[in-house]
C-alpha atoms as a PDB file:
ATOM      1  CA  MET A   1     -38.870 -71.992  34.094  1.00  0.00           C
ATOM      2  CA  GLN A   2     -35.276 -72.316  33.351  1.00  0.00           C
ATOM      3  CA  VAL A   3     -35.996 -71.633  29.701  1.00  0.00           C
ATOM      4  CA  ARG A   4     -37.960 -68.539  30.672  1.00  0.00           C
ATOM      5  CA  ALA A   5     -35.183 -67.375  32.948  1.00  0.00           C
ATOM      6  CA  LEU A   6     -32.624 -67.946  30.208  1.00  0.00           C
ATOM      7  CA  THR A   7     -34.843 -66.178  27.696  1.00  0.00           C
ATOM      8  CA  ARG A   8     -35.233 -63.188  30.000  1.00  0.00           C
ATOM      9  CA  LYS A   9     -31.516 -63.225  30.638  1.00  0.00           C
ATOM     10  CA  SER A  10     -30.752 -63.396  26.937  1.00  0.00           C
ATOM     11  CA  ILE A  11     -33.282 -60.620  26.173  1.00  0.00           C
ATOM     12  CA  GLU A  12     -31.742 -58.515  28.924  1.00  0.00           C
ATOM     13  CA  GLY A  13     -28.275 -59.263  27.505  1.00  0.00           C
ATOM     14  CA  VAL A  14     -29.470 -58.252  24.034  1.00  0.00           C
ATOM     15  CA  ARG A  15     -30.934 -55.018  25.445  1.00  0.00           C
ATOM     16  CA  GLN A  16     -27.670 -54.263  27.253  1.00  0.00           C
ATOM     17  CA  THR A  17     -25.685 -55.029  24.137  1.00  0.00           C
ATOM     18  CA  LYS A  18     -28.016 -52.843  22.043  1.00  0.00           C
ATOM     19  CA  GLN A  19     -27.701 -50.050  24.615  1.00  0.00           C
ATOM     20  CA  ALA A  20     -23.897 -50.404  24.663  1.00  0.00           C
ATOM     21  CA  THR A  21     -23.875 -50.407  20.854  1.00  0.00           C
ATOM     22  CA  THR A  22     -26.118 -47.310  20.778  1.00  0.00           C
ATOM     23  CA  ASP A  23     -23.892 -45.565  23.310  1.00  0.00           C
ATOM     24  CA  ALA A  24     -20.753 -46.533  21.391  1.00  0.00           C
ATOM     25  CA  ARG A  25     -22.373 -45.420  18.107  1.00  0.00           C
ATOM     26  CA  ALA A  26     -23.330 -42.065  19.672  1.00  0.00           C
ATOM     27  CA  GLU A  27     -19.784 -41.625  20.946  1.00  0.00           C
ATOM     28  CA  VAL A  28     -18.372 -42.513  17.512  1.00  0.00           C
ATOM     29  CA  ASP A  29     -20.823 -40.085  15.871  1.00  0.00           C
ATOM     30  CA  THR A  30     -19.794 -37.353  18.328  1.00  0.00           C
ATOM     31  CA  LEU A  31     -16.118 -38.027  17.655  1.00  0.00           C
ATOM     32  CA  ARG A  32     -16.727 -38.084  13.877  1.00  0.00           C
ATOM     33  CA  LEU A  33     -18.572 -34.750  14.121  1.00  0.00           C
ATOM     34  CA  ARG A  34     -15.709 -33.245  16.114  1.00  0.00           C
ATOM     35  CA  LEU A  35     -13.246 -34.555  13.536  1.00  0.00           C
ATOM     36  CA  GLN A  36     -15.295 -33.030  10.710  1.00  0.00           C
ATOM     37  CA  ASN A  37     -15.446 -29.727  12.561  1.00  0.00           C
ATOM     38  CA  LEU A  38     -11.677 -29.803  13.083  1.00  0.00           C
ATOM     39  CA  GLU A  39     -11.089 -30.631   9.402  1.00  0.00           C
ATOM     40  CA  TYR A  40     -13.389 -27.767   8.385  1.00  0.00           C
ATOM     41  CA  GLU A  41     -11.593 -25.394  10.728  1.00  0.00           C
ATOM     42  CA  GLN A  42      -8.235 -26.615   9.423  1.00  0.00           C
ATOM     43  CA  ARG A  43      -9.305 -25.977   5.792  1.00  0.00           C
ATOM     44  CA  HIS A  44     -10.607 -22.557   6.774  1.00  0.00           C
ATOM     45  CA  LEU A  45      -7.395 -21.633   8.598  1.00  0.00           C
ATOM     46  CA  ARG A  46      -5.236 -22.878   5.714  1.00  0.00           C
ATOM     47  CA  GLY A  47      -7.272 -20.721   3.360  1.00  0.00           C
ATOM     48  CA  GLU A  48      -6.796 -17.739   5.667  1.00  0.00           C
ATOM     49  CA  ILE A  49      -3.056 -18.423   5.855  1.00  0.00           C
ATOM     50  CA  GLN A  50      -2.808 -18.618   2.066  1.00  0.00           C
ATOM     51  CA  GLY A  51      -4.792 -15.409   1.798  1.00  0.00           C
ATOM     52  CA  CYS A  52      -2.432 -13.683   4.222  1.00  0.00           C
ATOM     53  CA  GLU A  53       0.649 -15.030   2.463  1.00  0.00           C
ATOM     54  CA  GLY A  54      -0.679 -13.854  -0.898  1.00  0.00           C
ATOM     55  CA  TYR A  55      -1.749 -10.440   0.401  1.00  0.00           C
ATOM     56  CA  GLU A  56       0.218  -7.617  -1.156  1.00  0.00           C
ATOM     57  CA  HIS A  57       1.141  -5.227   1.603  1.00  0.00           C
ATOM     58  CA  LYS A  58       1.576  -1.548   0.859  1.00  0.00           C
ATOM     59  CA  TYR A  59       5.193  -1.649   1.971  1.00  0.00           C
ATOM     60  CA  GLN A  60       5.908  -4.132  -0.832  1.00  0.00           C
ATOM     61  CA  GLN A  61       4.831  -1.540  -3.352  1.00  0.00           C
ATOM     62  CA  LEU A  62       7.251   1.078  -2.022  1.00  0.00           C
ATOM     63  CA  SER A  63      10.354   1.732  -4.050  1.00  0.00           C
ATOM     64  CA  LEU A  64      12.775   1.127  -1.203  1.00  0.00           C
ATOM     65  CA  ILE A  65      16.498   1.114  -1.751  1.00  0.00           C
ATOM     66  CA  PRO A  66      17.887  -2.437  -1.872  1.00  0.00           C
ATOM     67  CA  GLU A  67      18.726  -3.992   1.479  1.00  0.00           C
ATOM     68  CA  ASP A  68      22.435  -4.262   0.605  1.00  0.00           C
ATOM     69  CA  GLU A  69      22.717  -0.550  -0.156  1.00  0.00           C
ATOM     70  CA  PHE A  70      20.763   0.317   2.975  1.00  0.00           C
ATOM     71  CA  LEU A  71      23.106  -1.759   5.149  1.00  0.00           C
ATOM     72  CA  VAL A  72      26.126  -0.134   3.501  1.00  0.00           C
ATOM     73  CA  ALA A  73      24.676   3.289   4.270  1.00  0.00           C
ATOM     74  CA  PHE A  74      23.612   2.293   7.808  1.00  0.00           C
ATOM     75  CA  PRO A  75      25.944  -0.440   9.112  1.00  0.00           C
ATOM     76  CA  ASP A  76      24.511  -0.074  12.650  1.00  0.00           C
ATOM     77  CA  TYR A  77      21.358  -1.884  11.521  1.00  0.00           C
ATOM     78  CA  GLU A  78      23.057  -5.125  10.411  1.00  0.00           C
ATOM     79  CA  ALA A  79      22.243  -6.908  13.674  1.00  0.00           C
ATOM     80  CA  LEU A  80      18.505  -6.159  13.430  1.00  0.00           C
ATOM     81  CA  SER A  81      15.935  -8.808  12.589  1.00  0.00           C
ATOM     82  CA  GLU A  82      14.356  -8.807   9.142  1.00  0.00           C
ATOM     83  CA  HIS A  83      11.161  -7.263  10.526  1.00  0.00           C
ATOM     84  CA  ASP A  84      12.980  -4.450  12.373  1.00  0.00           C
ATOM     85  CA  LEU A  85      15.235  -3.842   9.376  1.00  0.00           C
ATOM     86  CA  MET A  86      12.186  -3.441   7.117  1.00  0.00           C
ATOM     87  CA  GLY A  87      10.766  -0.911   9.594  1.00  0.00           C
ATOM     88  CA  LYS A  88      14.010   1.085   9.484  1.00  0.00           C
ATOM     89  CA  ARG A  89      14.034   0.967   5.673  1.00  0.00           C
ATOM     90  CA  ILE A  90      10.451   2.242   5.563  1.00  0.00           C
ATOM     91  CA  GLU A  91      11.306   5.037   8.019  1.00  0.00           C
ATOM     92  CA  HIS A  92      14.301   5.973   5.860  1.00  0.00           C
ATOM     93  CA  GLU A  93      12.112   6.047   2.748  1.00  0.00           C
ATOM     94  CA  HIS A  94       9.590   8.230   4.591  1.00  0.00           C
ATOM     95  CA  THR A  95      12.224  10.792   5.599  1.00  0.00           C
ATOM     96  CA  GLU A  96      13.650  10.790   2.073  1.00  0.00           C
ATOM     97  CA  ARG A  97      10.222  11.427   0.600  1.00  0.00           C
ATOM     98  CA  GLN A  98       9.562  14.227   3.088  1.00  0.00           C
ATOM     99  CA  GLN A  99      12.838  15.901   2.121  1.00  0.00           C
ATOM    100  CA  LEU A 100      12.045  15.530  -1.575  1.00  0.00           C
ATOM    101  CA  GLU A 101       8.564  16.961  -1.017  1.00  0.00           C
ATOM    102  CA  GLU A 102      10.074  19.971   0.767  1.00  0.00           C
ATOM    103  CA  LYS A 103      12.464  20.487  -2.161  1.00  0.00           C
ATOM    104  CA  ARG A 104       9.586  20.129  -4.616  1.00  0.00           C
ATOM    105  CA  LEU A 105       7.504  22.707  -2.752  1.00  0.00           C
ATOM    106  CA  GLY A 106      10.493  25.065  -2.684  1.00  0.00           C
ATOM    107  CA  LEU A 107      10.950  24.650  -6.427  1.00  0.00           C
ATOM    108  CA  VAL A 108       7.234  25.223  -7.050  1.00  0.00           C
ATOM    109  CA  LYS A 109       7.427  28.426  -5.006  1.00  0.00           C
ATOM    110  CA  ARG A 110      10.522  29.528  -6.934  1.00  0.00           C
ATOM    111  CA  LYS A 111       8.764  28.734 -10.216  1.00  0.00           C
ATOM    112  CA  GLN A 112       5.803  30.897  -9.210  1.00  0.00           C
ATOM    113  CA  GLU A 113       8.138  33.743  -8.248  1.00  0.00           C
ATOM    114  CA  LEU A 114       9.903  33.467 -11.615  1.00  0.00           C
ATOM    115  CA  ALA A 115       6.558  33.411 -13.442  1.00  0.00           C
ATOM    116  CA  VAL A 116       5.514  36.620 -11.663  1.00  0.00           C
ATOM    117  CA  GLU A 117       8.895  38.190 -12.458  1.00  0.00           C
ATOM    118  CA  ASN A 118       8.612  37.132 -16.111  1.00  0.00           C
ATOM    119  CA  SER A 119       5.133  38.589 -16.437  1.00  0.00           C
ATOM    120  CA  LYS A 120       6.386  41.899 -14.979  1.00  0.00           C
ATOM    121  CA  LYS A 121       9.261  41.963 -17.459  1.00  0.00           C
ATOM    122  CA  LYS A 122       6.892  41.101 -20.322  1.00  0.00           C
ATOM    123  CA  ASP A 123       4.693  44.015 -19.287  1.00  0.00           C
ATOM    124  CA  GLU A 124       7.762  46.281 -19.204  1.00  0.00           C
ATOM    125  CA  LEU A 125       8.821  45.048 -22.642  1.00  0.00           C
ATOM    126  CA  ALA A 126       5.316  45.605 -23.997  1.00  0.00           C
ATOM    127  CA  ALA A 127       5.384  49.157 -22.625  1.00  0.00           C
ATOM    128  CA  LEU A 128       8.824  49.747 -24.167  1.00  0.00           C
ATOM    129  CA  ASP A 129       7.557  48.264 -27.440  1.00  0.00           C
ATOM    130  CA  LYS A 130       4.659  50.739 -27.501  1.00  0.00           C
ATOM    131  CA  GLU A 131       7.011  53.607 -26.697  1.00  0.00           C
ATOM    132  CA  LEU A 132       9.379  52.470 -29.442  1.00  0.00           C
ATOM    133  CA  GLU A 133       6.466  52.328 -31.913  1.00  0.00           C
ATOM    134  CA  ARG A 134       5.579  55.866 -30.937  1.00  0.00           C
ATOM    135  CA  TYR A 135       9.162  57.019 -31.553  1.00  0.00           C
ATOM    136  CA  ILE A 136       9.218  55.241 -34.909  1.00  0.00           C
ATOM    137  CA  GLU A 137       5.979  56.949 -35.942  1.00  0.00           C
ATOM    138  CA  GLY A 138       7.477  60.279 -34.885  1.00  0.00           C
ATOM    139  CA  ALA A 139      10.673  59.509 -36.793  1.00  0.00           C
ATOM    140  CA  LYS A 140       8.685  58.712 -39.936  1.00  0.00           C
ATOM    141  CA  ALA A 141       7.239  62.206 -39.894  1.00  0.00           C
ATOM    142  CA  VAL A 142      10.736  63.687 -39.554  1.00  0.00           C
ATOM    143  CA  GLN A 143      12.012  61.395 -42.319  1.00  0.00           C
ATOM    144  CA  LYS A 144       9.220  62.588 -44.656  1.00  0.00           C
ATOM    145  CA  VAL A 145      10.258  66.155 -43.988  1.00  0.00           C
ATOM    146  CA  PHE A 146      13.877  65.355 -44.846  1.00  0.00           C
ATOM    147  CA  GLU A 147      12.862  63.421 -47.958  1.00  0.00           C
ATOM    148  CA  LYS A 148      10.816  66.346 -49.287  1.00  0.00           C
ATOM    149  CA  GLY A 149      13.749  68.543 -48.787  1.00  0.00           C
ATOM    150  CA  PHE A 150      14.149  71.848 -47.201  1.00  0.00           C
END
């Protein structure tokens, strides 16, 4: 009876140990899965960060005046952060481009006016050319009369 009791006790101890091992293994598996998920998320986020750092923003393609020259022209902006300073430089470039576009449109308008004026003067010259040809033809007849004599 004692042997049976000890056997039952040992079997129960083995079952408890197996259950504890299974529970511990499940907990370890859960923790390992969480760790793998975190590592995956970390790799993903690092890839996103690298993608963002390598992204060429449109403002980088703008032909802005150098920062030193900008600060010389606008000394009030020296205390601004790099981000705010870049915003001011982009605003400055925008206003400069607007002014240049206005000048360009004015010059295009002036060019069109000059082209119209030139075409009018060409027409006038063509008319004078025809009139001059007519006078020359008339003068040739008079010249023939003089050449033949009176």
